[in-house]
Amino acid sequence: MDVSRYRAETPGCAEVIHFNNAGAALPPAVVVDTVVDYLREEAVRGGYELAAATRGRFEDVYASVARLLGARAEDVALADNATRSWQAVFYALRLGPGDKILTCRSEYASNAIAYLQSGARVEVVADDATGQLDVADLERRIDGNVKLISMNHVPTHSGLVNPAEQVGAIAERAGIPFLLDACQSAGQLDLDVTRLRCGALSATGRKYLRGPRGTGFLYVHPRLRDRLEPAMLDLHSATWTAPGRYEVDPTAKRFEVWERNFGITLGLGAAVDYALEIGLPAIEERVRVLAARLREALGALAGITVHDRGARKCGIVTFSAAGLPSPEVKERLAKAGINTSVTHRTSAQYEFTARDLPEAVRASVHYYNTDDEIDALVTEIGRITAAA
């Protein structure tokens, strides 16, 4: 991997040490230029006119996302964020009292809130000895009332990678829809929906894909899509065929709406193409190695506890410092030009409560980070804890 090239193509690398890729990664220049150039041209040609003239470029974004996921373009929908993508499928399931949802202990707040709002019964599957979802416990919980298996691939608050492929196989055998939140895995893990066997997968552009904020996408397998009518439709997702009739779009575009930001949509396409050019297997391996090195270095510091568990780990590294609130550690790192973030109990109540976890600093690495940057982060944390 030509890390020096990717850093040169990322203006932010010259300004800051960025370990907040799980929040929003630094975009490469081609993504920024794609968005800005489109907006400038739109300003002089007109929004409708430019969209019509560049229609083929927008269709290419579907094809790029499909390549990223090992899917077909007609199985891909584009949205303004991952939450909207996820909600489009979840609320189309129309679950309610008497139905059961199986999820993981590391589930994210937005998803859990939607489960509770539906009125369905939520069962949290146990973790195994490594900290990942226990697939044996998942199988034991399946009965005739289970109408959905839904979980995150990578949680927001730890470096865990859940065993999504095994879960997908169980769901497929049982004939239960499997909704996979890939918000933190898309762009850092090599994803293949055929291997994952998910009915639907949602993701964002701003995190490990290095795309613009306000972008997301959705994959929906035809066997699930054909039985779902979205909770909300418009003249893009459906056609008004007669005064008293309408027809829903046969593709995944049934989960979209007509209005969108065309410039940042093309920016998402540029980000996906950039990742595909590098290769997701290469990205995944470099991110894994950098994160492992960071965990080892942090674990050697006095007073630092690393909280990540799992048989398989990724680029998110979470830790806390004895006697120091994590928000304070984050702010001190920011003053040294190092970006991190903080994970809170309200983002993952199931796991924070079960493990009695404290708020933790989240340092999320990407392939453009370097060993020198990791050394700088660890050195600064050592200074902060020594001065406490």
Protein backbone atom coordinates (compact mmCIF):
# COMPACT_ATOMS: atom_id res chain seq x y z
CA MET A 1 0.00 0.00 0.00
CA ASP A 2 1.35 3.38 -1.06
CA VAL A 3 0.53 5.20 2.17
CA SER A 4 2.57 8.27 1.25
CA ARG A 5 0.47 8.70 -1.90
CA TYR A 6 -2.83 8.41 -0.03
CA ARG A 7 -1.65 10.90 2.57
CA ALA A 8 -0.57 13.33 -0.16
CA GLU A 9 -4.04 12.97 -1.69
CA THR A 10 -5.66 13.75 1.68
CA PRO A 11 -5.24 17.46 2.55
CA GLY A 12 -6.24 16.91 6.17
CA CYS A 13 -3.24 14.69 6.84
CA ALA A 14 -1.01 17.78 6.70
CA GLU A 15 -3.12 19.57 9.30
CA VAL A 16 -4.09 17.08 12.00
CA ILE A 17 -3.49 13.58 13.35
CA HIS A 18 -6.88 12.05 12.72
CA PHE A 19 -8.00 9.09 14.82
CA ASN A 20 -11.73 9.78 14.52
CA ASN A 21 -12.41 7.75 11.39
CA ALA A 22 -15.30 5.96 13.08
CA GLY A 23 -16.93 9.38 13.37
CA ALA A 24 -16.03 10.92 10.03
CA ALA A 25 -12.85 10.09 8.14
CA LEU A 26 -10.73 12.64 6.28
CA PRO A 27 -11.85 12.64 2.64
CA PRO A 28 -9.37 12.38 -0.23
CA ALA A 29 -9.12 15.43 -2.48
CA VAL A 30 -10.99 13.71 -5.30
CA VAL A 31 -14.10 13.47 -3.12
CA VAL A 32 -13.96 17.15 -2.17
CA ASP A 33 -13.27 18.22 -5.75
CA THR A 34 -16.12 16.09 -7.10
CA VAL A 35 -18.63 17.73 -4.75
CA VAL A 36 -17.37 21.29 -5.13
CA ASP A 37 -17.01 21.10 -8.92
CA TYR A 38 -20.57 19.82 -9.25
CA LEU A 39 -21.97 22.55 -7.02
CA ARG A 40 -20.14 25.24 -9.00
CA GLU A 41 -21.44 23.87 -12.29
CA GLU A 42 -24.95 23.53 -10.87
CA ALA A 43 -24.85 27.20 -9.89
CA VAL A 44 -24.30 28.30 -13.49
CA ARG A 45 -26.28 25.67 -15.41
CA GLY A 46 -29.27 25.05 -13.14
CA GLY A 47 -30.00 22.15 -10.81
CA TYR A 48 -32.49 20.24 -12.98
CA GLU A 49 -30.50 20.83 -16.14
CA LEU A 50 -27.19 19.57 -14.77
CA ALA A 51 -28.83 16.56 -13.13
CA ALA A 52 -30.38 15.58 -16.47
CA ALA A 53 -27.08 16.08 -18.33
CA THR A 54 -25.13 13.93 -15.87
CA ARG A 55 -27.68 11.19 -15.26
CA GLY A 56 -25.22 8.49 -16.27
CA ARG A 57 -22.76 9.56 -13.57
CA PHE A 58 -25.41 9.06 -10.90
CA GLU A 59 -26.26 5.60 -12.19
CA ASP A 60 -22.55 4.80 -11.93
CA VAL A 61 -22.75 5.39 -8.16
CA TYR A 62 -25.20 2.48 -7.84
CA ALA A 63 -22.82 0.28 -9.80
CA SER A 64 -19.87 1.30 -7.61
CA VAL A 65 -21.72 0.55 -4.37
CA ALA A 66 -22.85 -2.76 -5.85
CA ARG A 67 -19.20 -3.66 -6.57
CA LEU A 68 -18.27 -2.73 -3.02
CA LEU A 69 -20.86 -5.16 -1.66
CA GLY A 70 -20.73 -7.92 -4.26
CA ALA A 71 -24.31 -7.08 -5.20
CA ARG A 72 -26.35 -6.02 -8.23
CA ALA A 73 -27.02 -2.35 -8.92
CA GLU A 74 -30.79 -2.89 -8.83
CA ASP A 75 -30.45 -4.14 -5.24
CA VAL A 76 -28.89 -0.82 -4.09
CA ALA A 77 -30.65 2.32 -2.86
CA LEU A 78 -28.98 5.63 -2.04
CA ALA A 79 -29.98 7.81 0.90
CA ASP A 80 -28.85 10.83 2.87
CA ASN A 81 -27.53 8.76 5.80
CA ALA A 82 -27.26 5.25 7.20
CA THR A 83 -30.08 5.73 9.69
CA ARG A 84 -32.60 6.58 6.95
CA SER A 85 -31.43 3.54 5.00
CA TRP A 86 -31.84 1.25 8.00
CA GLN A 87 -35.21 2.74 8.95
CA ALA A 88 -36.56 2.31 5.43
CA VAL A 89 -36.35 -1.46 5.80
CA PHE A 90 -37.14 -1.75 9.50
CA TYR A 91 -40.37 0.25 9.38
CA ALA A 92 -41.47 -1.54 6.21
CA LEU A 93 -41.48 -4.79 8.23
CA ARG A 94 -44.34 -3.35 10.32
CA LEU A 95 -43.52 -5.29 13.45
CA GLY A 96 -45.67 -5.03 16.57
CA PRO A 97 -46.85 -6.74 19.75
CA GLY A 98 -46.50 -10.51 19.50
CA ASP A 99 -43.47 -10.26 17.21
CA LYS A 100 -39.96 -10.88 18.48
CA ILE A 101 -36.70 -9.17 17.47
CA LEU A 102 -33.34 -10.80 18.23
CA THR A 103 -30.40 -8.42 18.50
CA CYS A 104 -26.88 -8.25 19.94
CA ARG A 105 -25.64 -6.84 23.22
CA SER A 106 -23.53 -4.26 21.38
CA GLU A 107 -26.52 -2.83 19.49
CA TYR A 108 -26.59 0.89 18.66
CA ALA A 109 -29.01 3.35 20.27
CA SER A 110 -30.91 4.44 17.14
CA ASN A 111 -31.70 0.84 16.23
CA ALA A 112 -32.70 -0.11 19.77
CA ILE A 113 -35.00 2.90 20.03
CA ALA A 114 -36.75 1.82 16.82
CA TYR A 115 -37.20 -1.70 18.23
CA LEU A 116 -38.82 -0.30 21.34
CA GLN A 117 -41.03 2.05 19.35
CA SER A 118 -42.37 -0.84 17.26
CA GLY A 119 -43.90 -2.52 20.29
CA ALA A 120 -42.28 -5.83 19.41
CA ARG A 121 -40.54 -7.89 22.07
CA VAL A 122 -36.76 -7.34 22.04
CA GLU A 123 -34.46 -10.18 23.12
CA VAL A 124 -30.75 -9.45 23.51
CA VAL A 125 -28.62 -12.44 22.54
CA ALA A 126 -25.80 -13.25 24.95
CA ASP A 127 -22.12 -12.75 24.18
CA ASP A 128 -19.78 -15.72 23.98
CA ALA A 129 -16.51 -16.00 25.89
CA THR A 130 -14.72 -13.74 23.37
CA GLY A 131 -17.28 -10.94 23.64
CA GLN A 132 -18.96 -11.36 20.25
CA LEU A 133 -22.57 -12.43 19.71
CA ASP A 134 -23.08 -16.04 20.82
CA VAL A 135 -24.40 -17.83 17.73
CA ALA A 136 -25.43 -20.87 19.81
CA ASP A 137 -27.60 -18.66 22.03
CA LEU A 138 -29.04 -17.03 18.91
CA GLU A 139 -30.14 -20.40 17.56
CA ARG A 140 -31.69 -21.39 20.89
CA ARG A 141 -33.85 -18.28 20.89
CA ILE A 142 -35.39 -18.81 17.45
CA ASP A 143 -39.07 -19.74 17.48
CA GLY A 144 -42.19 -18.98 15.49
CA ASN A 145 -42.49 -15.48 16.94
CA VAL A 146 -39.08 -14.26 15.74
CA LYS A 147 -39.75 -11.94 12.83
CA LEU A 148 -36.36 -10.22 12.60
CA ILE A 149 -32.70 -10.76 13.44
CA SER A 150 -31.01 -7.37 13.49
CA MET A 151 -27.54 -6.38 14.68
CA ASN A 152 -24.51 -4.24 14.03
CA HIS A 153 -21.53 -5.68 12.22
CA VAL A 154 -19.14 -3.42 14.15
CA PRO A 155 -20.47 -1.49 17.16
CA THR A 156 -19.92 2.22 17.55
CA HIS A 157 -18.17 1.85 20.90
CA SER A 158 -15.61 -0.93 20.42
CA GLY A 159 -13.33 -2.76 18.01
CA LEU A 160 -15.45 -5.92 18.06
CA VAL A 161 -16.46 -7.51 14.75
CA ASN A 162 -19.63 -9.56 15.19
CA PRO A 163 -19.89 -12.96 13.40
CA ALA A 164 -22.25 -11.68 10.73
CA GLU A 165 -21.65 -14.52 8.28
CA GLN A 166 -22.64 -17.14 10.85
CA VAL A 167 -25.69 -15.12 11.84
CA GLY A 168 -26.66 -14.78 8.17
CA ALA A 169 -26.47 -18.54 7.69
CA ILE A 170 -28.71 -19.13 10.72
CA ALA A 171 -31.23 -16.53 9.57
CA GLU A 172 -31.32 -17.95 6.05
CA ARG A 173 -31.97 -21.49 7.31
CA ALA A 174 -34.76 -20.24 9.57
CA GLY A 175 -36.32 -18.03 6.88
CA ILE A 176 -36.06 -14.94 9.10
CA PRO A 177 -35.08 -11.51 7.71
CA PHE A 178 -31.56 -10.46 8.72
CA LEU A 179 -30.93 -6.71 8.87
CA LEU A 180 -27.22 -5.85 9.17
CA ASP A 181 -26.02 -2.42 10.26
CA ALA A 182 -22.68 -2.01 8.45
CA CYS A 183 -22.27 1.65 9.37
CA GLN A 184 -18.84 1.06 10.94
CA SER A 185 -17.68 -1.83 8.76
CA ALA A 186 -18.25 -0.47 5.24
CA GLY A 187 -14.93 0.89 4.04
CA GLN A 188 -12.72 -0.90 6.56
CA LEU A 189 -13.84 -4.53 6.07
CA ASP A 190 -14.16 -6.48 2.85
CA LEU A 191 -17.93 -6.94 2.57
CA ASP A 192 -19.77 -9.42 0.36
CA VAL A 193 -23.54 -9.70 0.79
CA THR A 194 -23.55 -13.18 -0.76
CA ARG A 195 -21.17 -14.33 1.94
CA LEU A 196 -22.99 -12.36 4.65
CA ARG A 197 -26.39 -13.73 3.56
CA CYS A 198 -28.19 -10.68 4.89
CA GLY A 199 -31.63 -9.67 3.73
CA ALA A 200 -30.64 -6.01 4.01
CA LEU A 201 -27.53 -3.99 4.82
CA SER A 202 -27.27 -0.29 5.62
CA ALA A 203 -24.17 1.92 5.69
CA THR A 204 -22.93 5.49 5.67
CA GLY A 205 -20.48 7.34 3.46
CA ARG A 206 -18.81 9.58 6.06
CA LYS A 207 -16.99 7.00 8.17
CA TYR A 208 -14.49 4.47 6.82
CA LEU A 209 -15.53 5.04 3.21
CA ARG A 210 -14.19 8.60 3.47
CA GLY A 211 -17.19 10.07 1.68
CA PRO A 212 -19.18 13.26 2.35
CA ARG A 213 -21.47 13.66 5.32
CA GLY A 214 -25.12 13.32 4.41
CA THR A 215 -24.66 10.17 2.32
CA GLY A 216 -25.65 6.57 2.89
CA PHE A 217 -26.78 3.48 1.05
CA LEU A 218 -28.88 0.38 1.41
CA TYR A 219 -28.71 -3.12 0.00
CA VAL A 220 -31.90 -5.22 -0.05
CA HIS A 221 -32.04 -8.78 -1.34
CA PRO A 222 -34.91 -9.36 -3.82
CA ARG A 223 -36.45 -12.08 -1.63
CA LEU A 224 -36.96 -9.52 1.13
CA ARG A 225 -37.56 -6.49 -1.06
CA ASP A 226 -40.42 -8.09 -2.95
CA ARG A 227 -42.42 -8.60 0.25
CA LEU A 228 -41.87 -5.09 1.63
CA GLU A 229 -43.73 -1.90 0.80
CA PRO A 230 -41.96 1.07 2.38
CA ALA A 231 -43.80 2.94 5.10
CA MET A 232 -43.45 6.13 3.03
CA LEU A 233 -43.59 6.49 -0.76
CA ASP A 234 -43.28 9.37 -3.19
CA LEU A 235 -43.27 9.85 -6.96
CA HIS A 236 -39.74 8.44 -7.18
CA SER A 237 -40.24 5.25 -5.16
CA ALA A 238 -43.63 4.60 -6.76
CA THR A 239 -45.56 5.62 -9.89
CA TRP A 240 -49.08 7.07 -9.80
CA THR A 241 -50.53 4.96 -12.63
CA ALA A 242 -54.17 6.06 -12.41
CA PRO A 243 -56.29 8.29 -10.15
CA GLY A 244 -56.85 5.39 -7.76
CA ARG A 245 -53.73 3.28 -8.26
CA TYR A 246 -49.96 3.32 -7.82
CA GLU A 247 -47.13 0.88 -8.47
CA VAL A 248 -44.05 0.54 -6.26
CA ASP A 249 -40.67 0.59 -8.01
CA PRO A 250 -39.52 -3.02 -8.51
CA THR A 251 -35.87 -2.24 -7.57
CA ALA A 252 -34.33 -1.09 -4.31
CA LYS A 253 -35.12 2.46 -5.39
CA ARG A 254 -38.51 1.88 -3.76
CA PHE A 255 -36.68 2.83 -0.54
CA GLU A 256 -35.49 6.19 -1.89
CA VAL A 257 -37.13 9.61 -2.21
CA TRP A 258 -37.02 11.94 -5.18
CA GLU A 259 -35.08 14.89 -3.76
CA ARG A 260 -31.38 14.46 -3.01
CA ASN A 261 -28.12 16.35 -2.95
CA PHE A 262 -26.64 15.40 -6.30
CA GLY A 263 -23.19 16.82 -5.60
CA ILE A 264 -22.54 14.80 -2.48
CA THR A 265 -24.07 11.71 -4.09
CA LEU A 266 -21.35 11.91 -6.71
CA GLY A 267 -18.88 12.49 -3.89
CA LEU A 268 -20.00 9.21 -2.35
CA GLY A 269 -19.38 7.51 -5.68
CA ALA A 270 -15.89 9.00 -5.84
CA ALA A 271 -15.15 7.75 -2.31
CA VAL A 272 -16.33 4.23 -3.11
CA ASP A 273 -14.29 4.16 -6.32
CA TYR A 274 -11.22 5.36 -4.40
CA ALA A 275 -11.59 2.51 -1.90
CA LEU A 276 -12.17 -0.02 -4.67
CA GLU A 277 -9.03 1.12 -6.46
CA ILE A 278 -6.95 0.47 -3.33
CA GLY A 279 -8.77 -2.79 -2.63
CA LEU A 280 -10.82 -3.61 0.46
CA PRO A 281 -8.72 -6.66 1.45
CA ALA A 282 -5.60 -4.46 1.55
CA ILE A 283 -7.44 -1.76 3.51
CA GLU A 284 -8.79 -4.28 6.00
CA GLU A 285 -5.38 -5.80 6.65
CA ARG A 286 -3.59 -2.47 7.16
CA VAL A 287 -6.32 -1.17 9.47
CA ARG A 288 -6.21 -4.40 11.50
CA VAL A 289 -2.43 -4.22 11.91
CA LEU A 290 -2.43 -0.54 12.91
CA ALA A 291 -5.22 -1.07 15.44
CA ALA A 292 -3.48 -4.10 16.96
CA ARG A 293 -0.29 -2.07 17.35
CA LEU A 294 -2.21 0.76 19.03
CA ARG A 295 -3.98 -1.61 21.45
CA GLU A 296 -0.67 -3.20 22.42
CA ALA A 297 1.00 0.18 23.01
CA LEU A 298 -1.92 1.50 25.06
CA GLY A 299 -2.07 -1.70 27.09
CA ALA A 300 1.54 -1.12 28.15
CA LEU A 301 0.74 2.30 29.67
CA ALA A 302 0.13 2.49 33.41
CA GLY A 303 -3.43 3.44 34.30
CA ILE A 304 -4.86 2.73 30.84
CA THR A 305 -7.57 0.08 30.30
CA VAL A 306 -8.34 -1.07 26.76
CA HIS A 307 -11.98 -2.19 26.48
CA ASP A 308 -12.13 -3.95 23.08
CA ARG A 309 -13.19 -7.60 22.99
CA GLY A 310 -14.00 -10.12 20.27
CA ALA A 311 -12.47 -13.05 18.42
CA ARG A 312 -11.96 -10.64 15.53
CA LYS A 313 -11.17 -6.96 15.95
CA CYS A 314 -11.09 -3.98 13.60
CA GLY A 315 -9.87 -0.39 13.48
CA ILE A 316 -11.78 1.00 16.47
CA VAL A 317 -9.74 1.12 19.69
CA THR A 318 -11.44 2.16 22.96
CA PHE A 319 -9.75 2.88 26.27
CA SER A 320 -10.09 4.81 29.51
CA ALA A 321 -7.58 6.38 31.89
CA ALA A 322 -7.78 5.78 35.64
CA GLY A 323 -8.83 8.95 37.46
CA LEU A 324 -9.41 10.95 34.27
CA PRO A 325 -12.80 11.49 32.60
CA SER A 326 -12.65 10.40 28.97
CA PRO A 327 -14.04 13.72 27.67
CA GLU A 328 -11.12 15.47 29.38
CA VAL A 329 -8.61 13.11 27.77
CA LYS A 330 -10.21 13.77 24.38
CA GLU A 331 -9.99 17.54 24.86
CA ARG A 332 -6.34 17.38 25.88
CA LEU A 333 -5.53 15.27 22.84
CA ALA A 334 -7.35 17.78 20.65
CA LYS A 335 -5.18 20.59 22.00
CA ALA A 336 -2.18 18.53 20.85
CA GLY A 337 -3.66 18.27 17.34
CA ILE A 338 -4.91 14.70 17.72
CA ASN A 339 -8.54 13.93 16.89
CA THR A 340 -10.38 11.23 18.85
CA SER A 341 -13.93 10.89 20.18
CA VAL A 342 -15.77 9.56 23.24
CA THR A 343 -18.21 6.66 23.44
CA HIS A 344 -21.15 7.13 25.80
CA ARG A 345 -23.52 4.81 27.66
CA THR A 346 -26.50 6.33 25.83
CA SER A 347 -25.14 4.97 22.53
CA ALA A 348 -25.08 1.33 23.66
CA GLN A 349 -27.11 0.80 26.82
CA TYR A 350 -27.22 -3.00 26.61
CA GLU A 351 -23.47 -3.48 26.70
CA PHE A 352 -22.52 -0.53 28.89
CA THR A 353 -25.01 -1.75 31.49
CA ALA A 354 -24.06 -5.44 31.27
CA ARG A 355 -20.32 -4.73 31.54
CA ASP A 356 -20.59 -1.59 33.69
CA LEU A 357 -18.37 0.22 31.22
CA PRO A 358 -17.16 3.78 31.75
CA GLU A 359 -17.22 6.42 29.04
CA ALA A 360 -14.25 5.60 26.83
CA VAL A 361 -11.98 7.43 24.44
CA ARG A 362 -12.38 6.06 20.92
CA ALA A 363 -9.30 6.18 18.68
CA SER A 364 -10.21 4.78 15.27
CA VAL A 365 -7.37 4.19 12.82
CA HIS A 366 -7.46 4.15 9.02
CA TYR A 367 -5.03 3.06 6.34
CA TYR A 368 -3.64 6.58 5.89
CA ASN A 369 -2.55 6.73 9.53
CA THR A 370 1.11 5.96 10.26
CA ASP A 371 3.23 4.34 12.94
CA ASP A 372 4.60 7.80 13.78
CA GLU A 373 1.05 9.05 14.40
CA ILE A 374 0.34 6.10 16.66
CA ASP A 375 3.54 6.85 18.57
CA ALA A 376 2.49 10.49 18.91
CA LEU A 377 -0.94 9.47 20.27
CA VAL A 378 0.50 7.02 22.79
CA THR A 379 3.18 9.48 23.89
CA GLU A 380 0.61 12.22 24.44
CA ILE A 381 -1.64 9.88 26.43
CA GLY A 382 1.36 9.00 28.58
CA ARG A 383 1.95 12.70 29.25
CA ILE A 384 -1.70 13.27 30.11
CA THR A 385 -1.88 10.41 32.57
CA ALA A 386 1.47 11.24 34.15
CA ALA A 387 0.34 14.81 34.81
CA ALA A 388 -3.00 13.75 36.32
